[in-house]
Amino acid sequence: MTPGSPTNTPRRPIEAPLLIAQGLSDELVLPGIQEAFVQERCAAGQSLEFRTYAGEDHVSVVGPDSPLNQDLVDWTNARLAGEAQAAGCQTIAR
């Protein structure tokens, strides 16, 4: 475990497709902490998609008007339709 890292942070590969969303105004899960986690997972070979949302905080990023909602539906529908997640790590800023 990395010194100072939370004990509830996964350190093993996740076999399922993985989407991580982060509100850039989040004061609970700080964007820099999430970015470090994503970089760590990518360096370990985890394929994932990391989406950041400017102006969204911990609650508003999942609120009714958040752009994450449609992004999440589209991403999930693609997985359910059998479309593979892109290999490697992708960061998408919204």
PDB file of N, CA and C in Angstrom:
ATOM      1  N   MET A   1       0.846  -1.176   0.000  1.00  0.00           N
ATOM      2  CA  MET A   1       0.000   0.000   0.000  1.00  0.00           C
ATOM      3  C   MET A   1       0.890   1.237   0.000  1.00  0.00           C
ATOM      4  N   THR A   2       0.488   2.220  -0.747  1.00  0.00           N
ATOM      5  CA  THR A   2       1.198   3.485  -0.809  1.00  0.00           C
ATOM      6  C   THR A   2       1.001   4.241   0.501  1.00  0.00           C
ATOM      7  N   PRO A   3       2.087   4.791   1.085  1.00  0.00           N
ATOM      8  CA  PRO A   3       1.918   5.557   2.324  1.00  0.00           C
ATOM      9  C   PRO A   3       0.887   6.668   2.154  1.00  0.00           C
ATOM     10  N   GLY A   4       0.000   6.773   3.129  1.00  0.00           N
ATOM     11  CA  GLY A   4      -1.015   7.814   3.114  1.00  0.00           C
ATOM     12  C   GLY A   4      -2.228   7.494   2.261  1.00  0.00           C
ATOM     13  N   SER A   5      -2.245   6.319   1.627  1.00  0.00           N
ATOM     14  CA  SER A   5      -3.393   5.993   0.780  1.00  0.00           C
ATOM     15  C   SER A   5      -4.506   5.398   1.624  1.00  0.00           C
ATOM     16  N   PRO A   6      -5.747   5.637   1.243  1.00  0.00           N
ATOM     17  CA  PRO A   6      -6.887   5.100   1.989  1.00  0.00           C
ATOM     18  C   PRO A   6      -6.924   3.578   1.921  1.00  0.00           C
ATOM     19  N   THR A   7      -7.394   2.961   2.983  1.00  0.00           N
ATOM     20  CA  THR A   7      -7.462   1.504   3.012  1.00  0.00           C
ATOM     21  C   THR A   7      -8.610   0.966   2.171  1.00  0.00           C
ATOM     22  N   ASN A   8      -9.529   1.808   1.742  1.00  0.00           N
ATOM     23  CA  ASN A   8     -10.648   1.345   0.921  1.00  0.00           C
ATOM     24  C   ASN A   8     -10.393   1.567  -0.570  1.00  0.00           C
ATOM     25  N   THR A   9      -9.151   1.775  -0.957  1.00  0.00           N
ATOM     26  CA  THR A   9      -8.788   1.983  -2.346  1.00  0.00           C
ATOM     27  C   THR A   9      -8.337   0.656  -2.953  1.00  0.00           C
ATOM     28  N   PRO A  10      -8.984   0.205  -4.037  1.00  0.00           N
ATOM     29  CA  PRO A  10      -8.604  -1.076  -4.641  1.00  0.00           C
ATOM     30  C   PRO A  10      -7.205  -1.017  -5.238  1.00  0.00           C
ATOM     31  N   ARG A  11      -6.433  -2.054  -5.018  1.00  0.00           N
ATOM     32  CA  ARG A  11      -5.066  -2.121  -5.535  1.00  0.00           C
ATOM     33  C   ARG A  11      -4.861  -3.291  -6.490  1.00  0.00           C
ATOM     34  N   ARG A  12      -5.886  -4.082  -6.699  1.00  0.00           N
ATOM     35  CA  ARG A  12      -5.789  -5.227  -7.606  1.00  0.00           C
ATOM     36  C   ARG A  12      -6.483  -4.896  -8.909  1.00  0.00           C
ATOM     37  N   PRO A  13      -6.113  -5.611  -9.977  1.00  0.00           N
ATOM     38  CA  PRO A  13      -6.788  -5.374 -11.258  1.00  0.00           C
ATOM     39  C   PRO A  13      -8.288  -5.635 -11.158  1.00  0.00           C
ATOM     40  N   ILE A  14      -9.050  -4.850 -11.878  1.00  0.00           N
ATOM     41  CA  ILE A  14     -10.499  -5.019 -11.962  1.00  0.00           C
ATOM     42  C   ILE A  14     -10.769  -5.587 -13.347  1.00  0.00           C
ATOM     43  N   GLU A  15     -11.347  -6.767 -13.401  1.00  0.00           N
ATOM     44  CA  GLU A  15     -11.529  -7.469 -14.669  1.00  0.00           C
ATOM     45  C   GLU A  15     -12.649  -6.878 -15.520  1.00  0.00           C
ATOM     46  N   ALA A  16     -13.620  -6.268 -14.914  1.00  0.00           N
ATOM     47  CA  ALA A  16     -14.755  -5.689 -15.648  1.00  0.00           C
ATOM     48  C   ALA A  16     -14.345  -4.366 -16.285  1.00  0.00           C
ATOM     49  N   PRO A  17     -15.048  -3.940 -17.338  1.00  0.00           N
ATOM     50  CA  PRO A  17     -14.798  -2.608 -17.890  1.00  0.00           C
ATOM     51  C   PRO A  17     -14.943  -1.562 -16.782  1.00  0.00           C
ATOM     52  N   LEU A  18     -14.123  -0.528 -16.851  1.00  0.00           N
ATOM     53  CA  LEU A  18     -14.071   0.426 -15.750  1.00  0.00           C
ATOM     54  C   LEU A  18     -14.159   1.860 -16.258  1.00  0.00           C
ATOM     55  N   LEU A  19     -15.130   2.583 -15.724  1.00  0.00           N
ATOM     56  CA  LEU A  19     -15.296   4.008 -15.979  1.00  0.00           C
ATOM     57  C   LEU A  19     -15.210   4.713 -14.635  1.00  0.00           C
ATOM     58  N   ILE A  20     -14.337   5.700 -14.538  1.00  0.00           N
ATOM     59  CA  ILE A  20     -14.205   6.510 -13.324  1.00  0.00           C
ATOM     60  C   ILE A  20     -14.569   7.939 -13.704  1.00  0.00           C
ATOM     61  N   ALA A  21     -15.491   8.527 -12.952  1.00  0.00           N
ATOM     62  CA  ALA A  21     -15.925   9.903 -13.206  1.00  0.00           C
ATOM     63  C   ALA A  21     -15.528  10.778 -12.022  1.00  0.00           C
ATOM     64  N   GLN A  22     -15.100  11.997 -12.312  1.00  0.00           N
ATOM     65  CA  GLN A  22     -14.645  12.911 -11.271  1.00  0.00           C
ATOM     66  C   GLN A  22     -15.138  14.318 -11.532  1.00  0.00           C
ATOM     67  N   GLY A  23     -15.862  14.872 -10.576  1.00  0.00           N
ATOM     68  CA  GLY A  23     -16.199  16.287 -10.629  1.00  0.00           C
ATOM     69  C   GLY A  23     -14.971  17.085 -10.224  1.00  0.00           C
ATOM     70  N   LEU A  24     -14.576  18.033 -11.039  1.00  0.00           N
ATOM     71  CA  LEU A  24     -13.349  18.776 -10.757  1.00  0.00           C
ATOM     72  C   LEU A  24     -13.494  19.798  -9.639  1.00  0.00           C
ATOM     73  N   SER A  25     -14.725  20.015  -9.163  1.00  0.00           N
ATOM     74  CA  SER A  25     -14.943  20.891  -8.009  1.00  0.00           C
ATOM     75  C   SER A  25     -15.244  20.091  -6.747  1.00  0.00           C
ATOM     76  N   ASP A  26     -14.992  18.802  -6.797  1.00  0.00           N
ATOM     77  CA  ASP A  26     -15.260  17.912  -5.663  1.00  0.00           C
ATOM     78  C   ASP A  26     -14.326  18.250  -4.505  1.00  0.00           C
ATOM     79  N   GLU A  27     -14.890  18.471  -3.331  1.00  0.00           N
ATOM     80  CA  GLU A  27     -14.099  18.758  -2.138  1.00  0.00           C
ATOM     81  C   GLU A  27     -14.036  17.557  -1.199  1.00  0.00           C
ATOM     82  N   LEU A  28     -14.749  16.480  -1.532  1.00  0.00           N
ATOM     83  CA  LEU A  28     -14.718  15.261  -0.731  1.00  0.00           C
ATOM     84  C   LEU A  28     -13.676  14.285  -1.260  1.00  0.00           C
ATOM     85  N   VAL A  29     -13.773  13.978  -2.538  1.00  0.00           N
ATOM     86  CA  VAL A  29     -12.757  13.175  -3.218  1.00  0.00           C
ATOM     87  C   VAL A  29     -12.010  14.159  -4.105  1.00  0.00           C
ATOM     88  N   LEU A  30     -10.878  14.599  -3.629  1.00  0.00           N
ATOM     89  CA  LEU A  30     -10.145  15.651  -4.324  1.00  0.00           C
ATOM     90  C   LEU A  30      -9.657  15.176  -5.689  1.00  0.00           C
ATOM     91  N   PRO A  31      -9.800  16.021  -6.709  1.00  0.00           N
ATOM     92  CA  PRO A  31      -9.396  15.636  -8.055  1.00  0.00           C
ATOM     93  C   PRO A  31      -7.948  15.125  -8.143  1.00  0.00           C
ATOM     94  N   GLY A  32      -7.044  15.739  -7.422  1.00  0.00           N
ATOM     95  CA  GLY A  32      -5.643  15.293  -7.456  1.00  0.00           C
ATOM     96  C   GLY A  32      -5.456  13.894  -6.903  1.00  0.00           C
ATOM     97  N   ILE A  33      -6.227  13.548  -5.876  1.00  0.00           N
ATOM     98  CA  ILE A  33      -6.170  12.197  -5.295  1.00  0.00           C
ATOM     99  C   ILE A  33      -6.706  11.190  -6.315  1.00  0.00           C
ATOM    100  N   GLN A  34      -7.815  11.522  -6.944  1.00  0.00           N
ATOM    101  CA  GLN A  34      -8.397  10.619  -7.946  1.00  0.00           C
ATOM    102  C   GLN A  34      -7.457  10.467  -9.140  1.00  0.00           C
ATOM    103  N   GLU A  35      -6.864  11.562  -9.585  1.00  0.00           N
ATOM    104  CA  GLU A  35      -5.916  11.526 -10.698  1.00  0.00           C
ATOM    105  C   GLU A  35      -4.730  10.618 -10.362  1.00  0.00           C
ATOM    106  N   ALA A  36      -4.217  10.721  -9.151  1.00  0.00           N
ATOM    107  CA  ALA A  36      -3.098   9.863  -8.731  1.00  0.00           C
ATOM    108  C   ALA A  36      -3.510   8.392  -8.739  1.00  0.00           C
ATOM    109  N   PHE A  37      -4.727   8.107  -8.277  1.00  0.00           N
ATOM    110  CA  PHE A  37      -5.227   6.733  -8.294  1.00  0.00           C
ATOM    111  C   PHE A  37      -5.316   6.216  -9.724  1.00  0.00           C
ATOM    112  N   VAL A  38      -5.866   7.026 -10.611  1.00  0.00           N
ATOM    113  CA  VAL A  38      -6.000   6.627 -12.017  1.00  0.00           C
ATOM    114  C   VAL A  38      -4.619   6.365 -12.616  1.00  0.00           C
ATOM    115  N   GLN A  39      -3.677   7.240 -12.385  1.00  0.00           N
ATOM    116  CA  GLN A  39      -2.321   7.053 -12.917  1.00  0.00           C
ATOM    117  C   GLN A  39      -1.686   5.781 -12.367  1.00  0.00           C
ATOM    118  N   GLU A  40      -1.901   5.509 -11.092  1.00  0.00           N
ATOM    119  CA  GLU A  40      -1.373   4.291 -10.472  1.00  0.00           C
ATOM    120  C   GLU A  40      -1.968   3.047 -11.129  1.00  0.00           C
ATOM    121  N   ARG A  41      -3.280   3.064 -11.325  1.00  0.00           N
ATOM    122  CA  ARG A  41      -3.950   1.909 -11.934  1.00  0.00           C
ATOM    123  C   ARG A  41      -3.490   1.727 -13.378  1.00  0.00           C
ATOM    124  N   CYS A  42      -3.352   2.828 -14.113  1.00  0.00           N
ATOM    125  CA  CYS A  42      -2.892   2.748 -15.502  1.00  0.00           C
ATOM    126  C   CYS A  42      -1.468   2.194 -15.571  1.00  0.00           C
ATOM    127  N   ALA A  43      -0.612   2.660 -14.687  1.00  0.00           N
ATOM    128  CA  ALA A  43       0.764   2.160 -14.643  1.00  0.00           C
ATOM    129  C   ALA A  43       0.818   0.673 -14.319  1.00  0.00           C
ATOM    130  N   ALA A  44      -0.185   0.175 -13.606  1.00  0.00           N
ATOM    131  CA  ALA A  44      -0.272  -1.245 -13.256  1.00  0.00           C
ATOM    132  C   ALA A  44      -0.900  -2.068 -14.379  1.00  0.00           C
ATOM    133  N   GLY A  45      -1.294  -1.414 -15.489  1.00  0.00           N
ATOM    134  CA  GLY A  45      -1.846  -2.132 -16.626  1.00  0.00           C
ATOM    135  C   GLY A  45      -3.357  -2.217 -16.682  1.00  0.00           C
ATOM    136  N   GLN A  46      -4.041  -1.498 -15.799  1.00  0.00           N
ATOM    137  CA  GLN A  46      -5.504  -1.509 -15.790  1.00  0.00           C
ATOM    138  C   GLN A  46      -6.036  -0.718 -16.978  1.00  0.00           C
ATOM    139  N   SER A  47      -6.959  -1.281 -17.741  1.00  0.00           N
ATOM    140  CA  SER A  47      -7.665  -0.525 -18.772  1.00  0.00           C
ATOM    141  C   SER A  47      -8.811   0.210 -18.098  1.00  0.00           C
ATOM    142  N   LEU A  48      -8.944   1.484 -18.404  1.00  0.00           N
ATOM    143  CA  LEU A  48     -10.033   2.265 -17.812  1.00  0.00           C
ATOM    144  C   LEU A  48     -10.278   3.517 -18.618  1.00  0.00           C
ATOM    145  N   GLU A  49     -11.436   4.094 -18.373  1.00  0.00           N
ATOM    146  CA  GLU A  49     -11.785   5.390 -18.944  1.00  0.00           C
ATOM    147  C   GLU A  49     -12.016   6.337 -17.778  1.00  0.00           C
ATOM    148  N   PHE A  50     -11.306   7.445 -17.779  1.00  0.00           N
ATOM    149  CA  PHE A  50     -11.391   8.442 -16.715  1.00  0.00           C
ATOM    150  C   PHE A  50     -12.017   9.693 -17.306  1.00  0.00           C
ATOM    151  N   ARG A  51     -13.183  10.052 -16.800  1.00  0.00           N
ATOM    152  CA  ARG A  51     -13.880  11.246 -17.285  1.00  0.00           C
ATOM    153  C   ARG A  51     -13.920  12.295 -16.182  1.00  0.00           C
ATOM    154  N   THR A  52     -13.572  13.518 -16.548  1.00  0.00           N
ATOM    155  CA  THR A  52     -13.615  14.620 -15.598  1.00  0.00           C
ATOM    156  C   THR A  52     -14.676  15.616 -16.049  1.00  0.00           C
ATOM    157  N   TYR A  53     -15.312  16.228 -15.057  1.00  0.00           N
ATOM    158  CA  TYR A  53     -16.426  17.141 -15.322  1.00  0.00           C
ATOM    159  C   TYR A  53     -16.168  18.473 -14.621  1.00  0.00           C
ATOM    160  N   ALA A  54     -15.827  19.482 -15.417  1.00  0.00           N
ATOM    161  CA  ALA A  54     -15.560  20.820 -14.892  1.00  0.00           C
ATOM    162  C   ALA A  54     -16.821  21.386 -14.257  1.00  0.00           C
ATOM    163  N   GLY A  55     -16.657  22.047 -13.118  1.00  0.00           N
ATOM    164  CA  GLY A  55     -17.778  22.708 -12.449  1.00  0.00           C
ATOM    165  C   GLY A  55     -18.674  21.784 -11.649  1.00  0.00           C
ATOM    166  N   GLU A  56     -18.400  20.491 -11.659  1.00  0.00           N
ATOM    167  CA  GLU A  56     -19.228  19.544 -10.900  1.00  0.00           C
ATOM    168  C   GLU A  56     -18.506  19.153  -9.613  1.00  0.00           C
ATOM    169  N   ASP A  57     -19.300  18.989  -8.543  1.00  0.00           N
ATOM    170  CA  ASP A  57     -18.725  18.561  -7.271  1.00  0.00           C
ATOM    171  C   ASP A  57     -19.157  17.128  -6.967  1.00  0.00           C
ATOM    172  N   HIS A  58     -18.976  16.708  -5.736  1.00  0.00           N
ATOM    173  CA  HIS A  58     -19.229  15.321  -5.345  1.00  0.00           C
ATOM    174  C   HIS A  58     -20.680  14.904  -5.576  1.00  0.00           C
ATOM    175  N   VAL A  59     -21.612  15.812  -5.361  1.00  0.00           N
ATOM    176  CA  VAL A  59     -23.033  15.502  -5.517  1.00  0.00           C
ATOM    177  C   VAL A  59     -23.528  15.884  -6.913  1.00  0.00           C
ATOM    178  N   SER A  60     -23.154  17.065  -7.388  1.00  0.00           N
ATOM    179  CA  SER A  60     -23.707  17.527  -8.665  1.00  0.00           C
ATOM    180  C   SER A  60     -23.253  16.670  -9.846  1.00  0.00           C
ATOM    181  N   VAL A  61     -22.124  15.992  -9.730  1.00  0.00           N
ATOM    182  CA  VAL A  61     -21.653  15.153 -10.835  1.00  0.00           C
ATOM    183  C   VAL A  61     -22.624  14.006 -11.123  1.00  0.00           C
ATOM    184  N   VAL A  62     -23.445  13.638 -10.130  1.00  0.00           N
ATOM    185  CA  VAL A  62     -24.467  12.598 -10.333  1.00  0.00           C
ATOM    186  C   VAL A  62     -25.875  13.180 -10.254  1.00  0.00           C
ATOM    187  N   GLY A  63     -25.984  14.506 -10.273  1.00  0.00           N
ATOM    188  CA  GLY A  63     -27.279  15.171 -10.211  1.00  0.00           C
ATOM    189  C   GLY A  63     -28.040  15.032 -11.521  1.00  0.00           C
ATOM    190  N   PRO A  64     -29.315  15.400 -11.513  1.00  0.00           N
ATOM    191  CA  PRO A  64     -30.180  15.210 -12.685  1.00  0.00           C
ATOM    192  C   PRO A  64     -29.719  15.946 -13.944  1.00  0.00           C
ATOM    193  N   ASP A  65     -29.012  17.049 -13.812  1.00  0.00           N
ATOM    194  CA  ASP A  65     -28.580  17.820 -14.979  1.00  0.00           C
ATOM    195  C   ASP A  65     -27.122  17.584 -15.364  1.00  0.00           C
ATOM    196  N   SER A  66     -26.477  16.641 -14.723  1.00  0.00           N
ATOM    197  CA  SER A  66     -25.060  16.391 -14.986  1.00  0.00           C
ATOM    198  C   SER A  66     -24.861  15.714 -16.345  1.00  0.00           C
ATOM    199  N   PRO A  67     -23.847  16.129 -17.091  1.00  0.00           N
ATOM    200  CA  PRO A  67     -23.546  15.451 -18.354  1.00  0.00           C
ATOM    201  C   PRO A  67     -23.084  14.010 -18.148  1.00  0.00           C
ATOM    202  N   LEU A  68     -22.673  13.670 -16.941  1.00  0.00           N
ATOM    203  CA  LEU A  68     -22.284  12.284 -16.651  1.00  0.00           C
ATOM    204  C   LEU A  68     -23.431  11.320 -16.905  1.00  0.00           C
ATOM    205  N   ASN A  69     -24.654  11.732 -16.629  1.00  0.00           N
ATOM    206  CA  ASN A  69     -25.786  10.815 -16.767  1.00  0.00           C
ATOM    207  C   ASN A  69     -25.871  10.219 -18.164  1.00  0.00           C
ATOM    208  N   GLN A  70     -25.863  11.047 -19.189  1.00  0.00           N
ATOM    209  CA  GLN A  70     -25.950  10.521 -20.560  1.00  0.00           C
ATOM    210  C   GLN A  70     -24.678   9.777 -20.931  1.00  0.00           C
ATOM    211  N   ASP A  71     -23.526  10.287 -20.479  1.00  0.00           N
ATOM    212  CA  ASP A  71     -22.264   9.597 -20.752  1.00  0.00           C
ATOM    213  C   ASP A  71     -22.289   8.181 -20.178  1.00  0.00           C
ATOM    214  N   LEU A  72     -22.797   8.057 -18.961  1.00  0.00           N
ATOM    215  CA  LEU A  72     -22.855   6.755 -18.297  1.00  0.00           C
ATOM    216  C   LEU A  72     -23.821   5.810 -19.011  1.00  0.00           C
ATOM    217  N   VAL A  73     -24.974   6.320 -19.430  1.00  0.00           N
ATOM    218  CA  VAL A  73     -25.936   5.491 -20.173  1.00  0.00           C
ATOM    219  C   VAL A  73     -25.305   5.023 -21.485  1.00  0.00           C
ATOM    220  N   ASP A  74     -24.683   5.931 -22.216  1.00  0.00           N
ATOM    221  CA  ASP A  74     -24.064   5.574 -23.493  1.00  0.00           C
ATOM    222  C   ASP A  74     -22.942   4.553 -23.295  1.00  0.00           C
ATOM    223  N   TRP A  75     -22.087   4.778 -22.299  1.00  0.00           N
ATOM    224  CA  TRP A  75     -20.963   3.880 -22.018  1.00  0.00           C
ATOM    225  C   TRP A  75     -21.485   2.492 -21.641  1.00  0.00           C
ATOM    226  N   THR A  76     -22.501   2.444 -20.774  1.00  0.00           N
ATOM    227  CA  THR A  76     -23.064   1.168 -20.333  1.00  0.00           C
ATOM    228  C   THR A  76     -23.747   0.444 -21.487  1.00  0.00           C
ATOM    229  N   ASN A  77     -24.515   1.166 -22.296  1.00  0.00           N
ATOM    230  CA  ASN A  77     -25.163   0.548 -23.455  1.00  0.00           C
ATOM    231  C   ASN A  77     -24.142  -0.045 -24.413  1.00  0.00           C
ATOM    232  N   ALA A  78     -23.030   0.625 -24.602  1.00  0.00           N
ATOM    233  CA  ALA A  78     -21.977   0.100 -25.473  1.00  0.00           C
ATOM    234  C   ALA A  78     -21.420  -1.212 -24.919  1.00  0.00           C
ATOM    235  N   ARG A  79     -21.217  -1.274 -23.620  1.00  0.00           N
ATOM    236  CA  ARG A  79     -20.713  -2.522 -23.010  1.00  0.00           C
ATOM    237  C   ARG A  79     -21.760  -3.626 -23.146  1.00  0.00           C
ATOM    238  N   LEU A  80     -23.030  -3.304 -22.894  1.00  0.00           N
ATOM    239  CA  LEU A  80     -24.098  -4.304 -22.995  1.00  0.00           C
ATOM    240  C   LEU A  80     -24.298  -4.777 -24.428  1.00  0.00           C
ATOM    241  N   ALA A  81     -23.951  -3.925 -25.395  1.00  0.00           N
ATOM    242  CA  ALA A  81     -24.068  -4.291 -26.808  1.00  0.00           C
ATOM    243  C   ALA A  81     -22.867  -5.110 -27.280  1.00  0.00           C
ATOM    244  N   GLY A  82     -21.938  -5.355 -26.372  1.00  0.00           N
ATOM    245  CA  GLY A  82     -20.775  -6.173 -26.709  1.00  0.00           C
ATOM    246  C   GLY A  82     -19.585  -5.397 -27.220  1.00  0.00           C
ATOM    247  N   GLU A  83     -19.668  -4.070 -27.224  1.00  0.00           N
ATOM    248  CA  GLU A  83     -18.519  -3.266 -27.633  1.00  0.00           C
ATOM    249  C   GLU A  83     -17.483  -3.295 -26.519  1.00  0.00           C
ATOM    250  N   ALA A  84     -16.285  -3.690 -26.874  1.00  0.00           N
ATOM    251  CA  ALA A  84     -15.217  -3.765 -25.879  1.00  0.00           C
ATOM    252  C   ALA A  84     -14.765  -2.362 -25.485  1.00  0.00           C
ATOM    253  N   GLN A  85     -14.378  -2.242 -24.244  1.00  0.00           N
ATOM    254  CA  GLN A  85     -13.774  -0.989 -23.796  1.00  0.00           C
ATOM    255  C   GLN A  85     -12.415  -0.873 -24.477  1.00  0.00           C
ATOM    256  N   ALA A  86     -12.016   0.324 -24.832  1.00  0.00           N
ATOM    257  CA  ALA A  86     -10.719   0.524 -25.444  1.00  0.00           C
ATOM    258  C   ALA A  86      -9.621   0.046 -24.496  1.00  0.00           C
ATOM    259  N   ALA A  87      -8.605  -0.569 -25.050  1.00  0.00           N
ATOM    260  CA  ALA A  87      -7.478  -1.018 -24.237  1.00  0.00           C
ATOM    261  C   ALA A  87      -6.695   0.198 -23.733  1.00  0.00           C
ATOM    262  N   GLY A  88      -6.059   0.025 -22.611  1.00  0.00           N
ATOM    263  CA  GLY A  88      -5.261   1.090 -22.041  1.00  0.00           C
ATOM    264  C   GLY A  88      -6.096   2.081 -21.268  1.00  0.00           C
ATOM    265  N   CYS A  89      -5.556   3.279 -21.113  1.00  0.00           N
ATOM    266  CA  CYS A  89      -6.230   4.300 -20.322  1.00  0.00           C
ATOM    267  C   CYS A  89      -6.576   5.488 -21.203  1.00  0.00           C
ATOM    268  N   GLN A  90      -7.772   5.976 -21.021  1.00  0.00           N
ATOM    269  CA  GLN A  90      -8.239   7.160 -21.743  1.00  0.00           C
ATOM    270  C   GLN A  90      -8.731   8.179 -20.724  1.00  0.00           C
ATOM    271  N   THR A  91      -8.406   9.434 -20.966  1.00  0.00           N
ATOM    272  CA  THR A  91      -8.942  10.523 -20.148  1.00  0.00           C
ATOM    273  C   THR A  91      -9.758  11.419 -21.054  1.00  0.00           C
ATOM    274  N   ILE A  92     -10.986  11.694 -20.626  1.00  0.00           N
ATOM    275  CA  ILE A  92     -11.886  12.555 -21.388  1.00  0.00           C
ATOM    276  C   ILE A  92     -12.336  13.678 -20.475  1.00  0.00           C
ATOM    277  N   ALA A  93     -12.060  14.903 -20.852  1.00  0.00           N
ATOM    278  CA  ALA A  93     -12.465  16.064 -20.065  1.00  0.00           C
ATOM    279  C   ALA A  93     -13.779  16.605 -20.635  1.00  0.00           C
ATOM    280  N   ARG A  94     -14.727  16.880 -19.752  1.00  0.00           N
ATOM    281  CA  ARG A  94     -16.024  17.424 -20.175  1.00  0.00           C
ATOM    282  C   ARG A  94     -16.268  18.735 -19.478  1.00  0.00           C
TER     283      ARG A  94
END
